[in-house]
Amino acid sequence: MKAEQNRLLGLLGIAIRGGKITSGFDAVRELISDKKDVLVLLAMDLSAKTEKELRYAAGENKEIFKIPFTKDEVGKAIGSAKPVGVLAIEEKGLAETARRLCLGYEGIRRGKSDNASKISCQ
């Protein structure tokens, strides 16, 4: 596993212990619908339908990263017994660190929209 991946998983663990992460589709959708400034992370094995619904709810003003971890790996990183496919980091400093780590992964392509960049593993 790459150093950036280890750091991102570690960051998720720190953020959840600090109460700075919201997990689950409904909770994250509510946050982004309320115009909260959050960074949204999606597991790589999240269904296309769920991803589409979140991207629609987020609109063009939110940054969404599809990270190279499965729902099981994300769940384990945040101490959940269940798989977790959708996360939102609410604290700006942690979100910026996660964003930089995500941008550092090889094989991730960057596409620009009008107001925000969207990252997805291809």
N, C-alpha and C. Protein backbone atom coordinates (compact mmCIF):
# COMPACT_ATOMS: atom_id res chain seq x y z
N MET A 1 0.85 -1.18 0.00
CA MET A 1 0.00 0.00 0.00
C MET A 1 0.89 1.24 0.00
N LYS A 2 0.54 2.23 -0.75
CA LYS A 2 1.33 3.44 -0.87
C LYS A 2 1.27 4.25 0.41
N ALA A 3 2.31 5.06 0.60
CA ALA A 3 2.38 5.90 1.79
C ALA A 3 1.19 6.86 1.87
N GLU A 4 0.78 7.43 0.72
CA GLU A 4 -0.36 8.35 0.72
C GLU A 4 -1.64 7.64 1.15
N GLN A 5 -1.78 6.39 0.73
CA GLN A 5 -2.97 5.63 1.12
C GLN A 5 -2.98 5.37 2.62
N ASN A 6 -1.83 4.99 3.17
CA ASN A 6 -1.74 4.80 4.61
C ASN A 6 -2.06 6.09 5.35
N ARG A 7 -1.55 7.20 4.85
CA ARG A 7 -1.80 8.49 5.50
C ARG A 7 -3.28 8.85 5.44
N LEU A 8 -3.93 8.57 4.30
CA LEU A 8 -5.35 8.90 4.19
C LEU A 8 -6.17 8.05 5.14
N LEU A 9 -5.89 6.77 5.21
CA LEU A 9 -6.62 5.91 6.15
C LEU A 9 -6.39 6.36 7.59
N GLY A 10 -5.16 6.73 7.91
CA GLY A 10 -4.85 7.24 9.25
C GLY A 10 -5.59 8.54 9.53
N LEU A 11 -5.65 9.41 8.54
CA LEU A 11 -6.36 10.67 8.69
C LEU A 11 -7.85 10.43 8.95
N LEU A 12 -8.42 9.46 8.26
CA LEU A 12 -9.83 9.13 8.49
C LEU A 12 -10.05 8.66 9.93
N GLY A 13 -9.11 7.85 10.43
CA GLY A 13 -9.21 7.38 11.81
C GLY A 13 -9.15 8.53 12.81
N ILE A 14 -8.23 9.46 12.58
CA ILE A 14 -8.10 10.63 13.46
C ILE A 14 -9.36 11.48 13.39
N ALA A 15 -9.85 11.71 12.19
CA ALA A 15 -11.02 12.56 12.01
C ALA A 15 -12.27 11.97 12.68
N ILE A 16 -12.45 10.67 12.60
CA ILE A 16 -13.63 10.06 13.21
C ILE A 16 -13.54 10.14 14.74
N ARG A 17 -12.33 9.94 15.27
CA ARG A 17 -12.17 10.05 16.72
C ARG A 17 -12.40 11.48 17.20
N GLY A 18 -12.11 12.45 16.35
CA GLY A 18 -12.34 13.85 16.70
C GLY A 18 -13.75 14.33 16.40
N GLY A 19 -14.59 13.45 15.89
CA GLY A 19 -15.96 13.83 15.58
C GLY A 19 -16.10 14.73 14.37
N LYS A 20 -15.15 14.65 13.45
CA LYS A 20 -15.13 15.53 12.29
C LYS A 20 -15.59 14.85 11.01
N ILE A 21 -16.08 13.62 11.11
CA ILE A 21 -16.56 12.89 9.94
C ILE A 21 -18.02 12.51 10.13
N THR A 22 -18.77 12.67 9.06
CA THR A 22 -20.13 12.15 8.99
C THR A 22 -20.11 11.01 7.98
N SER A 23 -20.72 9.89 8.33
CA SER A 23 -20.72 8.75 7.42
C SER A 23 -22.15 8.33 7.11
N GLY A 24 -22.29 7.70 5.96
CA GLY A 24 -23.59 7.20 5.54
C GLY A 24 -24.24 8.11 4.52
N PHE A 25 -24.93 7.49 3.58
CA PHE A 25 -25.54 8.21 2.46
C PHE A 25 -26.48 9.32 2.92
N ASP A 26 -27.46 8.98 3.76
CA ASP A 26 -28.47 9.96 4.15
C ASP A 26 -27.87 11.14 4.91
N ALA A 27 -26.98 10.85 5.85
CA ALA A 27 -26.37 11.91 6.66
C ALA A 27 -25.51 12.84 5.81
N VAL A 28 -24.74 12.28 4.89
CA VAL A 28 -23.89 13.10 4.02
C VAL A 28 -24.74 13.89 3.04
N ARG A 29 -25.76 13.27 2.48
CA ARG A 29 -26.64 13.99 1.55
C ARG A 29 -27.29 15.18 2.25
N GLU A 30 -27.70 14.99 3.49
CA GLU A 30 -28.30 16.09 4.25
C GLU A 30 -27.29 17.23 4.46
N LEU A 31 -26.06 16.87 4.79
CA LEU A 31 -25.02 17.89 4.97
C LEU A 31 -24.80 18.70 3.70
N ILE A 32 -24.67 18.02 2.58
CA ILE A 32 -24.38 18.76 1.35
C ILE A 32 -25.61 19.50 0.84
N SER A 33 -26.79 18.99 1.13
CA SER A 33 -28.01 19.69 0.74
C SER A 33 -28.21 20.96 1.56
N ASP A 34 -27.70 20.95 2.80
CA ASP A 34 -27.78 22.12 3.68
C ASP A 34 -26.68 23.13 3.37
N LYS A 35 -25.97 22.92 2.27
CA LYS A 35 -24.91 23.83 1.82
C LYS A 35 -23.73 23.89 2.79
N LYS A 36 -23.53 22.82 3.56
CA LYS A 36 -22.38 22.76 4.45
C LYS A 36 -21.11 22.61 3.62
N ASP A 37 -20.03 23.21 4.08
CA ASP A 37 -18.75 23.14 3.39
C ASP A 37 -18.02 21.88 3.85
N VAL A 38 -18.13 20.81 3.09
CA VAL A 38 -17.54 19.53 3.44
C VAL A 38 -16.82 18.93 2.24
N LEU A 39 -15.91 18.02 2.52
CA LEU A 39 -15.24 17.24 1.48
C LEU A 39 -15.87 15.86 1.50
N VAL A 40 -16.39 15.41 0.38
CA VAL A 40 -17.08 14.13 0.31
C VAL A 40 -16.14 13.08 -0.27
N LEU A 41 -16.07 11.93 0.39
CA LEU A 41 -15.25 10.81 -0.05
C LEU A 41 -16.15 9.61 -0.32
N LEU A 42 -15.94 8.97 -1.46
CA LEU A 42 -16.74 7.81 -1.85
C LEU A 42 -15.83 6.60 -2.00
N ALA A 43 -16.25 5.46 -1.47
CA ALA A 43 -15.49 4.22 -1.64
C ALA A 43 -15.51 3.81 -3.10
N MET A 44 -14.45 3.12 -3.52
CA MET A 44 -14.34 2.76 -4.93
C MET A 44 -15.38 1.74 -5.37
N ASP A 45 -15.94 0.98 -4.44
CA ASP A 45 -16.95 0.00 -4.82
C ASP A 45 -18.38 0.46 -4.51
N LEU A 46 -18.55 1.76 -4.34
CA LEU A 46 -19.88 2.33 -4.15
C LEU A 46 -20.67 2.16 -5.45
N SER A 47 -21.95 1.90 -5.34
CA SER A 47 -22.75 1.70 -6.55
C SER A 47 -22.82 2.98 -7.38
N ALA A 48 -22.93 2.80 -8.68
CA ALA A 48 -23.02 3.95 -9.59
C ALA A 48 -24.26 4.79 -9.29
N LYS A 49 -25.35 4.14 -8.91
CA LYS A 49 -26.59 4.86 -8.60
C LYS A 49 -26.40 5.76 -7.39
N THR A 50 -25.77 5.24 -6.34
CA THR A 50 -25.54 6.03 -5.13
C THR A 50 -24.61 7.20 -5.43
N GLU A 51 -23.55 6.94 -6.19
CA GLU A 51 -22.62 8.01 -6.55
C GLU A 51 -23.34 9.10 -7.35
N LYS A 52 -24.17 8.70 -8.29
CA LYS A 52 -24.90 9.66 -9.12
C LYS A 52 -25.82 10.52 -8.26
N GLU A 53 -26.52 9.90 -7.31
CA GLU A 53 -27.43 10.64 -6.44
C GLU A 53 -26.68 11.66 -5.59
N LEU A 54 -25.51 11.27 -5.07
CA LEU A 54 -24.73 12.20 -4.26
C LEU A 54 -24.17 13.34 -5.09
N ARG A 55 -23.69 13.03 -6.27
CA ARG A 55 -23.15 14.09 -7.14
C ARG A 55 -24.26 15.07 -7.53
N TYR A 56 -25.46 14.55 -7.75
CA TYR A 56 -26.59 15.43 -8.07
C TYR A 56 -26.91 16.33 -6.87
N ALA A 57 -26.96 15.74 -5.67
CA ALA A 57 -27.25 16.52 -4.46
C ALA A 57 -26.18 17.57 -4.20
N ALA A 58 -24.93 17.23 -4.52
CA ALA A 58 -23.82 18.14 -4.27
C ALA A 58 -23.80 19.29 -5.26
N GLY A 59 -24.29 19.06 -6.45
CA GLY A 59 -24.23 20.10 -7.47
C GLY A 59 -22.80 20.33 -7.92
N GLU A 60 -22.54 21.50 -8.42
CA GLU A 60 -21.21 21.82 -8.97
C GLU A 60 -20.29 22.45 -7.94
N ASN A 61 -20.78 22.78 -6.77
CA ASN A 61 -20.00 23.55 -5.81
C ASN A 61 -19.29 22.71 -4.76
N LYS A 62 -19.45 21.42 -4.79
CA LYS A 62 -18.82 20.55 -3.80
C LYS A 62 -17.75 19.70 -4.47
N GLU A 63 -16.73 19.43 -3.72
CA GLU A 63 -15.66 18.57 -4.21
C GLU A 63 -15.92 17.15 -3.73
N ILE A 64 -15.87 16.21 -4.64
CA ILE A 64 -16.12 14.81 -4.32
C ILE A 64 -14.94 13.99 -4.84
N PHE A 65 -14.41 13.13 -3.97
CA PHE A 65 -13.31 12.25 -4.34
C PHE A 65 -13.77 10.81 -4.24
N LYS A 66 -13.50 10.05 -5.26
CA LYS A 66 -13.72 8.61 -5.21
C LYS A 66 -12.36 8.01 -4.86
N ILE A 67 -12.25 7.51 -3.64
CA ILE A 67 -10.96 7.08 -3.11
C ILE A 67 -10.69 5.61 -3.42
N PRO A 68 -9.43 5.22 -3.47
CA PRO A 68 -9.07 3.85 -3.86
C PRO A 68 -9.15 2.84 -2.70
N PHE A 69 -10.28 2.85 -2.00
CA PHE A 69 -10.51 1.90 -0.91
C PHE A 69 -11.92 1.34 -1.05
N THR A 70 -12.09 0.10 -0.63
CA THR A 70 -13.42 -0.51 -0.64
C THR A 70 -14.22 -0.02 0.56
N LYS A 71 -15.51 -0.29 0.54
CA LYS A 71 -16.36 0.08 1.67
C LYS A 71 -15.89 -0.61 2.95
N ASP A 72 -15.44 -1.86 2.83
CA ASP A 72 -14.94 -2.58 4.00
C ASP A 72 -13.69 -1.90 4.57
N GLU A 73 -12.78 -1.48 3.70
CA GLU A 73 -11.55 -0.82 4.15
C GLU A 73 -11.86 0.52 4.81
N VAL A 74 -12.79 1.27 4.25
CA VAL A 74 -13.17 2.56 4.83
C VAL A 74 -13.82 2.33 6.19
N GLY A 75 -14.73 1.38 6.27
CA GLY A 75 -15.38 1.07 7.54
C GLY A 75 -14.38 0.70 8.61
N LYS A 76 -13.42 -0.14 8.25
CA LYS A 76 -12.39 -0.55 9.20
C LYS A 76 -11.55 0.65 9.65
N ALA A 77 -11.22 1.54 8.72
CA ALA A 77 -10.40 2.71 9.04
C ALA A 77 -11.07 3.64 10.04
N ILE A 78 -12.40 3.71 10.00
CA ILE A 78 -13.10 4.59 10.93
C ILE A 78 -13.69 3.84 12.13
N GLY A 79 -13.33 2.58 12.25
CA GLY A 79 -13.74 1.81 13.41
C GLY A 79 -15.17 1.32 13.37
N SER A 80 -15.73 1.18 12.19
CA SER A 80 -17.10 0.70 12.04
C SER A 80 -17.09 -0.80 11.75
N ALA A 81 -18.02 -1.51 12.35
CA ALA A 81 -18.15 -2.93 12.08
C ALA A 81 -18.81 -3.18 10.72
N LYS A 82 -19.45 -2.15 10.19
CA LYS A 82 -20.15 -2.26 8.92
C LYS A 82 -19.37 -1.56 7.81
N PRO A 83 -19.58 -1.96 6.56
CA PRO A 83 -18.95 -1.25 5.44
C PRO A 83 -19.48 0.19 5.36
N VAL A 84 -18.61 1.10 4.98
CA VAL A 84 -18.98 2.52 4.85
C VAL A 84 -18.54 2.99 3.47
N GLY A 85 -19.49 3.45 2.66
CA GLY A 85 -19.18 3.87 1.31
C GLY A 85 -19.16 5.37 1.09
N VAL A 86 -19.73 6.13 2.03
CA VAL A 86 -19.85 7.58 1.87
C VAL A 86 -19.42 8.26 3.16
N LEU A 87 -18.49 9.22 3.02
CA LEU A 87 -18.01 10.00 4.16
C LEU A 87 -17.99 11.46 3.80
N ALA A 88 -18.13 12.32 4.80
CA ALA A 88 -17.92 13.75 4.61
C ALA A 88 -17.02 14.23 5.74
N ILE A 89 -15.93 14.90 5.38
CA ILE A 89 -15.03 15.49 6.37
C ILE A 89 -15.47 16.94 6.54
N GLU A 90 -15.80 17.29 7.78
CA GLU A 90 -16.39 18.60 8.05
C GLU A 90 -15.37 19.66 8.46
N GLU A 91 -14.22 19.27 8.96
CA GLU A 91 -13.23 20.23 9.44
C GLU A 91 -12.32 20.63 8.29
N LYS A 92 -12.15 21.94 8.07
CA LYS A 92 -11.45 22.44 6.89
C LYS A 92 -10.01 21.96 6.79
N GLY A 93 -9.27 21.97 7.89
CA GLY A 93 -7.87 21.55 7.85
C GLY A 93 -7.72 20.09 7.48
N LEU A 94 -8.53 19.24 8.09
CA LEU A 94 -8.50 17.81 7.76
C LEU A 94 -8.96 17.57 6.33
N ALA A 95 -9.97 18.31 5.91
CA ALA A 95 -10.47 18.16 4.54
C ALA A 95 -9.39 18.55 3.53
N GLU A 96 -8.66 19.61 3.81
CA GLU A 96 -7.60 20.04 2.88
C GLU A 96 -6.48 19.01 2.83
N THR A 97 -6.12 18.45 3.98
CA THR A 97 -5.09 17.41 4.00
C THR A 97 -5.54 16.19 3.20
N ALA A 98 -6.78 15.76 3.40
CA ALA A 98 -7.32 14.62 2.66
C ALA A 98 -7.35 14.92 1.17
N ARG A 99 -7.72 16.12 0.81
CA ARG A 99 -7.76 16.53 -0.59
C ARG A 99 -6.37 16.43 -1.22
N ARG A 100 -5.36 16.94 -0.53
CA ARG A 100 -3.99 16.87 -1.06
C ARG A 100 -3.53 15.43 -1.21
N LEU A 101 -3.86 14.59 -0.25
CA LEU A 101 -3.48 13.18 -0.34
C LEU A 101 -4.18 12.52 -1.53
N CYS A 102 -5.45 12.81 -1.71
CA CYS A 102 -6.19 12.22 -2.84
C CYS A 102 -5.61 12.67 -4.17
N LEU A 103 -5.23 13.92 -4.26
CA LEU A 103 -4.66 14.43 -5.51
C LEU A 103 -3.30 13.82 -5.80
N GLY A 104 -2.65 13.27 -4.78
CA GLY A 104 -1.33 12.67 -4.96
C GLY A 104 -1.34 11.26 -5.50
N TYR A 105 -2.51 10.60 -5.54
CA TYR A 105 -2.56 9.23 -6.02
C TYR A 105 -2.29 9.15 -7.51
N GLU A 106 -1.50 8.16 -7.90
CA GLU A 106 -1.31 7.91 -9.32
C GLU A 106 -2.58 7.28 -9.88
N GLY A 107 -2.86 7.55 -11.12
CA GLY A 107 -4.01 6.93 -11.76
C GLY A 107 -5.31 7.65 -11.52
N ILE A 108 -5.28 8.73 -10.76
CA ILE A 108 -6.50 9.50 -10.55
C ILE A 108 -6.50 10.64 -11.55
N ARG A 109 -7.57 10.76 -12.25
CA ARG A 109 -7.67 11.80 -13.27
C ARG A 109 -8.45 12.98 -12.72
N ARG A 110 -8.05 14.14 -13.13
CA ARG A 110 -8.73 15.34 -12.67
C ARG A 110 -9.54 15.94 -13.80
N GLY A 111 -10.80 16.16 -13.53
CA GLY A 111 -11.67 16.82 -14.49
C GLY A 111 -12.23 18.06 -13.85
N LYS A 112 -12.33 19.13 -14.57
CA LYS A 112 -12.81 20.37 -13.98
C LYS A 112 -14.24 20.65 -14.39
N SER A 113 -14.99 21.16 -13.43
CA SER A 113 -16.32 21.68 -13.72
C SER A 113 -16.21 23.19 -13.60
N ASP A 114 -17.32 23.88 -13.67
CA ASP A 114 -17.29 25.34 -13.60
C ASP A 114 -16.74 25.85 -12.28
N ASN A 115 -17.18 25.29 -11.16
CA ASN A 115 -16.84 25.86 -9.86
C ASN A 115 -15.98 24.97 -8.98
N ALA A 116 -15.87 23.71 -9.27
CA ALA A 116 -15.11 22.82 -8.40
C ALA A 116 -14.53 21.69 -9.23
N SER A 117 -13.47 21.11 -8.71
CA SER A 117 -12.88 19.97 -9.42
C SER A 117 -13.47 18.69 -8.85
N LYS A 118 -13.58 17.69 -9.66
CA LYS A 118 -14.09 16.39 -9.25
C LYS A 118 -13.03 15.36 -9.56
N ILE A 119 -12.78 14.49 -8.63
CA ILE A 119 -11.75 13.49 -8.79
C ILE A 119 -12.42 12.12 -8.78
N SER A 120 -12.00 11.26 -9.66
CA SER A 120 -12.51 9.89 -9.61
C SER A 120 -11.44 8.93 -10.09
N CYS A 121 -11.43 7.76 -9.50
CA CYS A 121 -10.49 6.72 -9.93
C CYS A 121 -11.01 6.17 -11.24
N GLN A 122 -10.13 5.96 -12.17
CA GLN A 122 -10.54 5.44 -13.47
C GLN A 122 -9.86 4.13 -13.72
